[in-house]
Structures are given as structure tokens and as C-alpha cells.
């Protein structure tokens, strides 16, 4: 196995500093990593450097983690310009949604050796994952299974029970889904 790099002290950029992004930032602090972020708006309650776009954030970091929410507003959020702006050898991690990243641009950067490592647990065209991803030696693929814990599954079951009880009692649902 080839040698890799450590994360200690590396500059971390987080795209999407919501609940998950903040949890990533807290953990990064434990590794002495300076944290910067890009998101819809600056969060004045946080000490991290803010950049208005992923492309503006990219040159400032050695590791970029995408934690943005999915949906039409974030489709292609990390575009070819953002990927090209990452420093050579950067590490790119996507734990949010595959639609947030321009996957052809990411693949091109990996092939060209600009991305040192890509760690992905979500993909652009799931479940038809680009076959090339599994052939590249500097790509780590994993299932998106963060909720696969006993505690989380028990909480999901309790929430389902709470929704059913509220429905049959004529009360508002705790997690109502609206069309």
C-alpha cells in the first residue's frame, strides 16, 4: 500500500455548515485543523473563515468536505471551477448528496492527478455508479450508511410510532411530509 498523508494540521474546508458540517468542524479541531467554510450565508456565531462560494474556498484548503444539503438549489454546487481551484494533491470528501458535485469534473481532476484522494459515499447517478470510480487507486468508495447504528434505527422506529399515534389521535404529525 502506498504511503498517504496525515490530516493533522491540514487546512479543512467544509461546504455546507449545517448540523453535519458543524459536527465535522468540531472533530477537525481535535486534529489541529484550521477550518474554513462555504455556505448560503456567513454564520457570525462561528470563528471559522467564510467564503461565499466553493470556488473561493477551494484554494484556501487542503481537504474539502461536502456536507451540503441535496436538492435543486445545490445541484452542481461544487462545480468544475471549484474542483480546478483545489490545490494539487487535495483530498476531496463527499458525505452529502452526489448531486452536489460535478462528478465528470471530479473524475477528470482525479485522472489528471490533481486530486490526491477522493472519498465518496454518495454518487451523481446512484445506483448506477460510474464504473471508472472503482478502478482508480486514489478513490475510496463506501456506502452512505451513517444512520446504520442501533441507536439511530431505534430512534427512527420511535419516530414512526410517534407519527402513527399522532395520526390516529388526530394530532399534527411530529414529522409531517407535505407534497
C-alpha atoms as a PDB file:
ATOM      1  CA  UNK A   1       0.000   0.000   0.000  1.00  0.00           C
ATOM      2  CA  UNK A   2       1.425   3.421  -0.916  1.00  0.00           C
ATOM      3  CA  UNK A   3       2.053   5.988   1.767  1.00  0.00           C
ATOM      4  CA  UNK A   4      -0.655   8.602   2.244  1.00  0.00           C
ATOM      5  CA  UNK A   5      -0.809  11.827   4.223  1.00  0.00           C
ATOM      6  CA  UNK A   6      -1.923  12.719   7.696  1.00  0.00           C
ATOM      7  CA  UNK A   7      -4.791  15.097   8.399  1.00  0.00           C
ATOM      8  CA  UNK A   8      -3.192  16.680  11.476  1.00  0.00           C
ATOM      9  CA  UNK A   9      -2.837  20.417  10.893  1.00  0.00           C
ATOM     10  CA  UNK A  10      -4.216  20.319   7.341  1.00  0.00           C
ATOM     11  CA  UNK A  11      -6.485  23.184   6.297  1.00  0.00           C
ATOM     12  CA  UNK A  12     -10.072  21.904   6.104  1.00  0.00           C
ATOM     13  CA  UNK A  13     -12.809  23.445   4.001  1.00  0.00           C
ATOM     14  CA  UNK A  14     -16.417  22.473   4.599  1.00  0.00           C
ATOM     15  CA  UNK A  15     -19.105  23.156   2.010  1.00  0.00           C
ATOM     16  CA  UNK A  16     -22.366  23.352   3.955  1.00  0.00           C
ATOM     17  CA  UNK A  17     -22.004  24.189   7.626  1.00  0.00           C
ATOM     18  CA  UNK A  18     -25.314  22.860   8.887  1.00  0.00           C
ATOM     19  CA  UNK A  19     -25.683  20.222  11.601  1.00  0.00           C
ATOM     20  CA  UNK A  20     -23.368  17.693   9.921  1.00  0.00           C
ATOM     21  CA  UNK A  21     -20.868  20.295   8.731  1.00  0.00           C
ATOM     22  CA  UNK A  22     -20.590  21.695  12.258  1.00  0.00           C
ATOM     23  CA  UNK A  23     -20.013  18.188  13.632  1.00  0.00           C
ATOM     24  CA  UNK A  24     -17.212  17.680  11.096  1.00  0.00           C
ATOM     25  CA  UNK A  25     -15.692  21.045  12.101  1.00  0.00           C
ATOM     26  CA  UNK A  26     -15.725  20.124  15.814  1.00  0.00           C
ATOM     27  CA  UNK A  27     -13.954  16.862  15.083  1.00  0.00           C
ATOM     28  CA  UNK A  28     -11.395  18.602  12.839  1.00  0.00           C
ATOM     29  CA  UNK A  29     -10.498  20.978  15.663  1.00  0.00           C
ATOM     30  CA  UNK A  30      -9.368  17.915  17.626  1.00  0.00           C
ATOM     31  CA  UNK A  31      -6.818  17.272  14.881  1.00  0.00           C
ATOM     32  CA  UNK A  32      -5.497  20.831  14.975  1.00  0.00           C
ATOM     33  CA  UNK A  33      -7.050  21.601  11.603  1.00  0.00           C
ATOM     34  CA  UNK A  34      -7.835  25.213  10.741  1.00  0.00           C
ATOM     35  CA  UNK A  35     -11.434  25.243   9.454  1.00  0.00           C
ATOM     36  CA  UNK A  36     -12.991  27.426   6.768  1.00  0.00           C
ATOM     37  CA  UNK A  37     -16.380  27.055   5.139  1.00  0.00           C
ATOM     38  CA  UNK A  38     -18.693  27.996   2.335  1.00  0.00           C
ATOM     39  CA  UNK A  39     -22.435  28.131   2.687  1.00  0.00           C
ATOM     40  CA  UNK A  40     -25.549  30.115   1.871  1.00  0.00           C
ATOM     41  CA  UNK A  41     -24.694  32.738   4.463  1.00  0.00           C
ATOM     42  CA  UNK A  42     -21.973  33.647   6.924  1.00  0.00           C
ATOM     43  CA  UNK A  43     -22.594  32.330  10.424  1.00  0.00           C
ATOM     44  CA  UNK A  44     -21.489  35.123  12.784  1.00  0.00           C
ATOM     45  CA  UNK A  45     -21.578  32.820  15.823  1.00  0.00           C
ATOM     46  CA  UNK A  46     -18.699  30.711  14.470  1.00  0.00           C
ATOM     47  CA  UNK A  47     -14.969  31.514  14.435  1.00  0.00           C
ATOM     48  CA  UNK A  48     -14.256  29.909  11.051  1.00  0.00           C
ATOM     49  CA  UNK A  49     -13.252  31.796   7.918  1.00  0.00           C
ATOM     50  CA  UNK A  50     -16.158  32.187   5.489  1.00  0.00           C
ATOM     51  CA  UNK A  51     -16.001  32.102   1.694  1.00  0.00           C
ATOM     52  CA  UNK A  52     -19.111  32.851  -0.371  1.00  0.00           C
ATOM     53  CA  UNK A  53     -18.600  30.036  -2.888  1.00  0.00           C
ATOM     54  CA  UNK A  54     -16.883  26.645  -3.011  1.00  0.00           C
ATOM     55  CA  UNK A  55     -14.605  28.025  -5.764  1.00  0.00           C
ATOM     56  CA  UNK A  56     -13.460  30.828  -3.431  1.00  0.00           C
ATOM     57  CA  UNK A  57     -12.931  28.337  -0.577  1.00  0.00           C
ATOM     58  CA  UNK A  58     -11.044  25.728  -2.625  1.00  0.00           C
ATOM     59  CA  UNK A  59      -7.613  27.413  -2.978  1.00  0.00           C
ATOM     60  CA  UNK A  60      -7.507  28.025   0.781  1.00  0.00           C
ATOM     61  CA  UNK A  61      -7.783  24.358   1.826  1.00  0.00           C
ATOM     62  CA  UNK A  62      -6.001  21.037   1.536  1.00  0.00           C
ATOM     63  CA  UNK A  63      -9.067  18.943   2.315  1.00  0.00           C
ATOM     64  CA  UNK A  64     -12.580  19.784   1.153  1.00  0.00           C
ATOM     65  CA  UNK A  65     -15.614  18.039   2.643  1.00  0.00           C
ATOM     66  CA  UNK A  66     -19.040  18.457   1.085  1.00  0.00           C
ATOM     67  CA  UNK A  67     -21.766  18.436   3.745  1.00  0.00           C
ATOM     68  CA  UNK A  68     -24.348  20.478   1.819  1.00  0.00           C
ATOM     69  CA  UNK A  69     -27.997  19.538   1.673  1.00  0.00           C
ATOM     70  CA  UNK A  70     -29.271  17.980  -1.535  1.00  0.00           C
ATOM     71  CA  UNK A  71     -31.922  19.301  -3.875  1.00  0.00           C
ATOM     72  CA  UNK A  72     -32.245  21.677  -6.814  1.00  0.00           C
ATOM     73  CA  UNK A  73     -30.554  24.613  -5.047  1.00  0.00           C
ATOM     74  CA  UNK A  74     -27.318  22.692  -4.524  1.00  0.00           C
ATOM     75  CA  UNK A  75     -27.134  20.685  -7.739  1.00  0.00           C
ATOM     76  CA  UNK A  76     -23.612  21.090  -9.122  1.00  0.00           C
ATOM     77  CA  UNK A  77     -22.662  23.358  -6.193  1.00  0.00           C
ATOM     78  CA  UNK A  78     -19.102  22.057  -6.297  1.00  0.00           C
ATOM     79  CA  UNK A  79     -18.563  22.686  -9.979  1.00  0.00           C
ATOM     80  CA  UNK A  80     -15.596  22.391 -12.339  1.00  0.00           C
ATOM     81  CA  UNK A  81     -14.286  25.804 -11.219  1.00  0.00           C
ATOM     82  CA  UNK A  82     -14.267  24.769  -7.552  1.00  0.00           C
ATOM     83  CA  UNK A  83     -12.594  21.453  -8.315  1.00  0.00           C
ATOM     84  CA  UNK A  84      -9.970  23.149 -10.513  1.00  0.00           C
ATOM     85  CA  UNK A  85      -9.268  25.664  -7.724  1.00  0.00           C
ATOM     86  CA  UNK A  86      -8.287  22.953  -5.237  1.00  0.00           C
ATOM     87  CA  UNK A  87      -4.523  22.792  -4.725  1.00  0.00           C
ATOM     88  CA  UNK A  88      -2.699  19.881  -6.375  1.00  0.00           C
ATOM     89  CA  UNK A  89      -2.906  16.761  -4.224  1.00  0.00           C
ATOM     90  CA  UNK A  90      -6.001  17.934  -2.326  1.00  0.00           C
ATOM     91  CA  UNK A  91      -8.303  15.466  -0.644  1.00  0.00           C
ATOM     92  CA  UNK A  92     -11.967  15.653  -1.573  1.00  0.00           C
ATOM     93  CA  UNK A  93     -14.706  14.038   0.539  1.00  0.00           C
ATOM     94  CA  UNK A  94     -18.426  13.958  -0.256  1.00  0.00           C
ATOM     95  CA  UNK A  95     -20.772  12.803   2.503  1.00  0.00           C
ATOM     96  CA  UNK A  96     -23.813  14.804   1.425  1.00  0.00           C
ATOM     97  CA  UNK A  97     -25.501  14.098  -1.911  1.00  0.00           C
ATOM     98  CA  UNK A  98     -23.996  13.063  -5.221  1.00  0.00           C
ATOM     99  CA  UNK A  99     -25.929  15.806  -7.000  1.00  0.00           C
ATOM    100  CA  UNK A 100     -23.894  18.474  -5.167  1.00  0.00           C
ATOM    101  CA  UNK A 101     -20.738  17.659  -7.132  1.00  0.00           C
ATOM    102  CA  UNK A 102     -19.924  17.863 -10.833  1.00  0.00           C
ATOM    103  CA  UNK A 103     -18.790  14.239 -10.964  1.00  0.00           C
ATOM    104  CA  UNK A 104     -17.330  14.366 -14.516  1.00  0.00           C
ATOM    105  CA  UNK A 105     -15.150  17.320 -13.435  1.00  0.00           C
ATOM    106  CA  UNK A 106     -14.117  15.441 -10.290  1.00  0.00           C
ATOM    107  CA  UNK A 107     -13.232  12.352 -12.337  1.00  0.00           C
ATOM    108  CA  UNK A 108     -11.181  14.464 -14.735  1.00  0.00           C
ATOM    109  CA  UNK A 109      -9.257  16.010 -11.811  1.00  0.00           C
ATOM    110  CA  UNK A 110      -8.605  12.576 -10.300  1.00  0.00           C
ATOM    111  CA  UNK A 111      -7.424  11.185 -13.653  1.00  0.00           C
ATOM    112  CA  UNK A 112      -5.130  14.191 -14.136  1.00  0.00           C
ATOM    113  CA  UNK A 113      -3.585  13.648 -10.695  1.00  0.00           C
ATOM    114  CA  UNK A 114      -4.831  16.987  -9.324  1.00  0.00           C
ATOM    115  CA  UNK A 115      -6.907  15.284  -6.623  1.00  0.00           C
ATOM    116  CA  UNK A 116      -4.721  13.219  -4.304  1.00  0.00           C
ATOM    117  CA  UNK A 117      -7.606  11.260  -2.801  1.00  0.00           C
ATOM    118  CA  UNK A 118     -11.372  11.255  -3.206  1.00  0.00           C
ATOM    119  CA  UNK A 119     -13.520   9.603  -0.556  1.00  0.00           C
ATOM    120  CA  UNK A 120     -17.130   9.227  -1.656  1.00  0.00           C
ATOM    121  CA  UNK A 121     -20.182   7.633  -0.100  1.00  0.00           C
ATOM    122  CA  UNK A 122     -22.661   9.300  -2.457  1.00  0.00           C
ATOM    123  CA  UNK A 123     -22.631   9.451  -6.236  1.00  0.00           C
ATOM    124  CA  UNK A 124     -24.115  11.505  -9.064  1.00  0.00           C
ATOM    125  CA  UNK A 125     -26.130   8.759 -10.715  1.00  0.00           C
ATOM    126  CA  UNK A 126     -26.957   6.370  -7.875  1.00  0.00           C
ATOM    127  CA  UNK A 127     -27.447   3.463  -8.026  1.00  0.00           C
ATOM    128  CA  UNK A 128     -25.689   3.368 -11.430  1.00  0.00           C
ATOM    129  CA  UNK A 129     -22.307   4.488 -10.086  1.00  0.00           C
ATOM    130  CA  UNK A 130     -19.699   5.429 -12.689  1.00  0.00           C
ATOM    131  CA  UNK A 131     -17.690   2.213 -13.145  1.00  0.00           C
ATOM    132  CA  UNK A 132     -14.443   4.145 -13.501  1.00  0.00           C
ATOM    133  CA  UNK A 133     -14.611   5.224  -9.849  1.00  0.00           C
ATOM    134  CA  UNK A 134     -13.947   1.654  -8.710  1.00  0.00           C
ATOM    135  CA  UNK A 135     -10.829   1.372 -10.889  1.00  0.00           C
ATOM    136  CA  UNK A 136      -8.942   4.403  -9.605  1.00  0.00           C
ATOM    137  CA  UNK A 137      -6.338   3.700  -6.900  1.00  0.00           C
ATOM    138  CA  UNK A 138      -6.850   7.042  -5.135  1.00  0.00           C
ATOM    139  CA  UNK A 139     -10.641   6.768  -4.762  1.00  0.00           C
ATOM    140  CA  UNK A 140     -12.270   5.329  -1.660  1.00  0.00           C
ATOM    141  CA  UNK A 141     -15.895   4.255  -2.099  1.00  0.00           C
ATOM    142  CA  UNK A 142     -18.192   3.476   0.805  1.00  0.00           C
ATOM    143  CA  UNK A 143     -21.921   3.045   1.275  1.00  0.00           C
ATOM    144  CA  UNK A 144     -23.834   6.036   2.641  1.00  0.00           C
ATOM    145  CA  UNK A 145     -24.699   4.329   5.902  1.00  0.00           C
ATOM    146  CA  UNK A 146     -24.130   6.895   8.652  1.00  0.00           C
ATOM    147  CA  UNK A 147     -27.528   6.117  10.130  1.00  0.00           C
ATOM    148  CA  UNK A 148     -26.732   2.408  10.323  1.00  0.00           C
ATOM    149  CA  UNK A 149     -26.444   2.284  14.107  1.00  0.00           C
ATOM    150  CA  UNK A 150     -28.589   0.572  16.705  1.00  0.00           C
ATOM    151  CA  UNK A 151     -29.373   3.914  18.348  1.00  0.00           C
ATOM    152  CA  UNK A 152     -30.376   5.634  15.126  1.00  0.00           C
ATOM    153  CA  UNK A 153     -32.591   2.773  13.984  1.00  0.00           C
ATOM    154  CA  UNK A 154     -34.312   2.672  17.381  1.00  0.00           C
ATOM    155  CA  UNK A 155     -34.898   6.434  17.167  1.00  0.00           C
ATOM    156  CA  UNK A 156     -36.330   6.003  13.651  1.00  0.00           C
ATOM    157  CA  UNK A 157     -38.713   3.330  14.957  1.00  0.00           C
ATOM    158  CA  UNK A 158     -39.813   5.563  17.857  1.00  0.00           C
ATOM    159  CA  UNK A 159     -40.427   8.427  15.444  1.00  0.00           C
ATOM    160  CA  UNK A 160     -42.539   6.190  13.220  1.00  0.00           C
ATOM    161  CA  UNK A 161     -44.567   5.101  16.244  1.00  0.00           C
ATOM    162  CA  UNK A 162     -44.994   8.731  17.332  1.00  0.00           C
ATOM    163  CA  UNK A 163     -46.217   9.673  13.840  1.00  0.00           C
ATOM    164  CA  UNK A 164     -48.708   6.797  13.765  1.00  0.00           C
ATOM    165  CA  UNK A 165     -50.005   7.599  17.262  1.00  0.00           C
ATOM    166  CA  UNK A 166     -50.451  11.271  16.351  1.00  0.00           C
ATOM    167  CA  UNK A 167     -52.213  10.403  13.089  1.00  0.00           C
ATOM    168  CA  UNK A 168     -54.735   8.084  14.712  1.00  0.00           C
ATOM    169  CA  UNK A 169     -55.301  10.545  17.571  1.00  0.00           C
ATOM    170  CA  UNK A 170     -55.994  13.371  15.101  1.00  0.00           C
ATOM    171  CA  UNK A 171     -52.954  15.398  16.226  1.00  0.00           C
ATOM    172  CA  UNK A 172     -50.334  17.028  13.964  1.00  0.00           C
ATOM    173  CA  UNK A 173     -47.578  14.616  12.965  1.00  0.00           C
ATOM    174  CA  UNK A 174     -44.137  15.213  14.520  1.00  0.00           C
ATOM    175  CA  UNK A 175     -42.520  14.871  11.066  1.00  0.00           C
ATOM    176  CA  UNK A 176     -45.272  15.679   8.610  1.00  0.00           C
ATOM    177  CA  UNK A 177     -44.320  15.399   4.944  1.00  0.00           C
ATOM    178  CA  UNK A 178     -46.026  17.835   2.654  1.00  0.00           C
ATOM    179  CA  UNK A 179     -46.220  17.494  -1.127  1.00  0.00           C
END
